[in-house]
């Protein structure tokens, strides 16, 4: 659950950094771009982790369904 809050905050930061890149002084762009890339990387990792959990849940549900079906026969 805490990961969902973190993901939302990171997505908000991504939006703010993207806007900052458009308005930034040319001397600041490199630092903002670096932070933007790191933010995107963290978002991707959190979203990938969610996908991994969903895949595991799907596999476990399939196994349980098969076990339930074989138990009813």
C-alpha atoms as a PDB file:
ATOM      1  CA  UNK A   1       0.000   0.000   0.000  1.00  0.00           C
ATOM      2  CA  UNK A   2       2.851   2.389   0.793  1.00  0.00           C
ATOM      3  CA  UNK A   3       4.252   1.650  -2.663  1.00  0.00           C
ATOM      4  CA  UNK A   4       1.050   3.021  -4.225  1.00  0.00           C
ATOM      5  CA  UNK A   5       1.514   6.302  -2.346  1.00  0.00           C
ATOM      6  CA  UNK A   6       5.126   6.463  -3.421  1.00  0.00           C
ATOM      7  CA  UNK A   7       4.196   5.743  -7.031  1.00  0.00           C
ATOM      8  CA  UNK A   8       1.659   8.575  -7.015  1.00  0.00           C
ATOM      9  CA  UNK A   9       4.233  10.976  -5.566  1.00  0.00           C
ATOM     10  CA  UNK A  10       6.813   9.934  -8.151  1.00  0.00           C
ATOM     11  CA  UNK A  11       4.326  10.477 -10.967  1.00  0.00           C
ATOM     12  CA  UNK A  12       3.561  13.946  -9.600  1.00  0.00           C
ATOM     13  CA  UNK A  13       7.299  14.651  -9.444  1.00  0.00           C
ATOM     14  CA  UNK A  14       7.642  13.461 -13.047  1.00  0.00           C
ATOM     15  CA  UNK A  15       4.999  15.975 -14.126  1.00  0.00           C
ATOM     16  CA  UNK A  16       6.693  18.791 -12.217  1.00  0.00           C
ATOM     17  CA  UNK A  17      10.138  17.936 -13.571  1.00  0.00           C
ATOM     18  CA  UNK A  18       8.823  17.781 -17.138  1.00  0.00           C
ATOM     19  CA  UNK A  19       7.331  21.263 -16.708  1.00  0.00           C
ATOM     20  CA  UNK A  20      10.579  22.487 -15.159  1.00  0.00           C
ATOM     21  CA  UNK A  21      12.542  21.265 -18.165  1.00  0.00           C
ATOM     22  CA  UNK A  22      10.419  23.458 -20.419  1.00  0.00           C
ATOM     23  CA  UNK A  23      10.987  26.545 -18.272  1.00  0.00           C
ATOM     24  CA  UNK A  24      14.513  25.932 -16.969  1.00  0.00           C
ATOM     25  CA  UNK A  25      17.550  28.078 -17.452  1.00  0.00           C
ATOM     26  CA  UNK A  26      19.859  26.254 -19.904  1.00  0.00           C
ATOM     27  CA  UNK A  27      22.457  25.822 -17.141  1.00  0.00           C
ATOM     28  CA  UNK A  28      19.926  23.881 -15.035  1.00  0.00           C
ATOM     29  CA  UNK A  29      18.649  21.519 -17.700  1.00  0.00           C
ATOM     30  CA  UNK A  30      21.291  18.818 -17.178  1.00  0.00           C
ATOM     31  CA  UNK A  31      20.546  18.489 -13.454  1.00  0.00           C
ATOM     32  CA  UNK A  32      16.781  18.469 -13.986  1.00  0.00           C
ATOM     33  CA  UNK A  33      17.096  15.937 -16.812  1.00  0.00           C
ATOM     34  CA  UNK A  34      19.208  13.693 -14.574  1.00  0.00           C
ATOM     35  CA  UNK A  35      16.542  13.838 -11.836  1.00  0.00           C
ATOM     36  CA  UNK A  36      13.809  13.248 -14.416  1.00  0.00           C
ATOM     37  CA  UNK A  37      15.537  10.101 -15.720  1.00  0.00           C
ATOM     38  CA  UNK A  38      15.986   8.775 -12.190  1.00  0.00           C
ATOM     39  CA  UNK A  39      12.329   9.450 -11.414  1.00  0.00           C
ATOM     40  CA  UNK A  40      11.219   7.619 -14.562  1.00  0.00           C
ATOM     41  CA  UNK A  41      13.458   4.679 -13.634  1.00  0.00           C
ATOM     42  CA  UNK A  42      11.898   4.460 -10.153  1.00  0.00           C
ATOM     43  CA  UNK A  43       8.386   4.634 -11.601  1.00  0.00           C
ATOM     44  CA  UNK A  44       9.215   1.832 -14.041  1.00  0.00           C
ATOM     45  CA  UNK A  45      10.624  -0.326 -11.230  1.00  0.00           C
ATOM     46  CA  UNK A  46       7.554   0.151  -9.043  1.00  0.00           C
ATOM     47  CA  UNK A  47       5.186  -0.559 -11.916  1.00  0.00           C
ATOM     48  CA  UNK A  48       7.198  -3.648 -12.884  1.00  0.00           C
ATOM     49  CA  UNK A  49       7.055  -4.889  -9.299  1.00  0.00           C
ATOM     50  CA  UNK A  50       3.274  -4.494  -9.354  1.00  0.00           C
ATOM     51  CA  UNK A  51       3.165  -6.531 -12.563  1.00  0.00           C
ATOM     52  CA  UNK A  52       5.272  -9.270 -11.010  1.00  0.00           C
ATOM     53  CA  UNK A  53       2.920  -9.470  -8.030  1.00  0.00           C
ATOM     54  CA  UNK A  54      -0.095  -9.618 -10.348  1.00  0.00           C
ATOM     55  CA  UNK A  55       1.507 -12.464 -12.321  1.00  0.00           C
ATOM     56  CA  UNK A  56       2.217 -14.420  -9.136  1.00  0.00           C
ATOM     57  CA  UNK A  57      -1.357 -13.890  -7.946  1.00  0.00           C
ATOM     58  CA  UNK A  58      -2.679 -15.105 -11.312  1.00  0.00           C
ATOM     59  CA  UNK A  59      -0.588 -18.293 -11.123  1.00  0.00           C
ATOM     60  CA  UNK A  60      -1.677 -18.982  -7.548  1.00  0.00           C
ATOM     61  CA  UNK A  61      -5.329 -18.437  -8.456  1.00  0.00           C
ATOM     62  CA  UNK A  62      -5.030 -20.858 -11.389  1.00  0.00           C
ATOM     63  CA  UNK A  63      -3.481 -23.486  -9.142  1.00  0.00           C
ATOM     64  CA  UNK A  64      -6.201 -23.025  -6.557  1.00  0.00           C
ATOM     65  CA  UNK A  65      -8.897 -23.298  -9.240  1.00  0.00           C
ATOM     66  CA  UNK A  66      -7.401 -26.550 -10.522  1.00  0.00           C
ATOM     67  CA  UNK A  67      -7.140 -27.924  -6.986  1.00  0.00           C
ATOM     68  CA  UNK A  68     -10.757 -26.973  -6.282  1.00  0.00           C
ATOM     69  CA  UNK A  69     -11.922 -28.545  -9.555  1.00  0.00           C
ATOM     70  CA  UNK A  70     -10.050 -31.799  -8.896  1.00  0.00           C
ATOM     71  CA  UNK A  71     -11.395 -31.930  -5.349  1.00  0.00           C
ATOM     72  CA  UNK A  72     -14.989 -31.660  -6.547  1.00  0.00           C
ATOM     73  CA  UNK A  73     -14.739 -34.546  -9.044  1.00  0.00           C
END
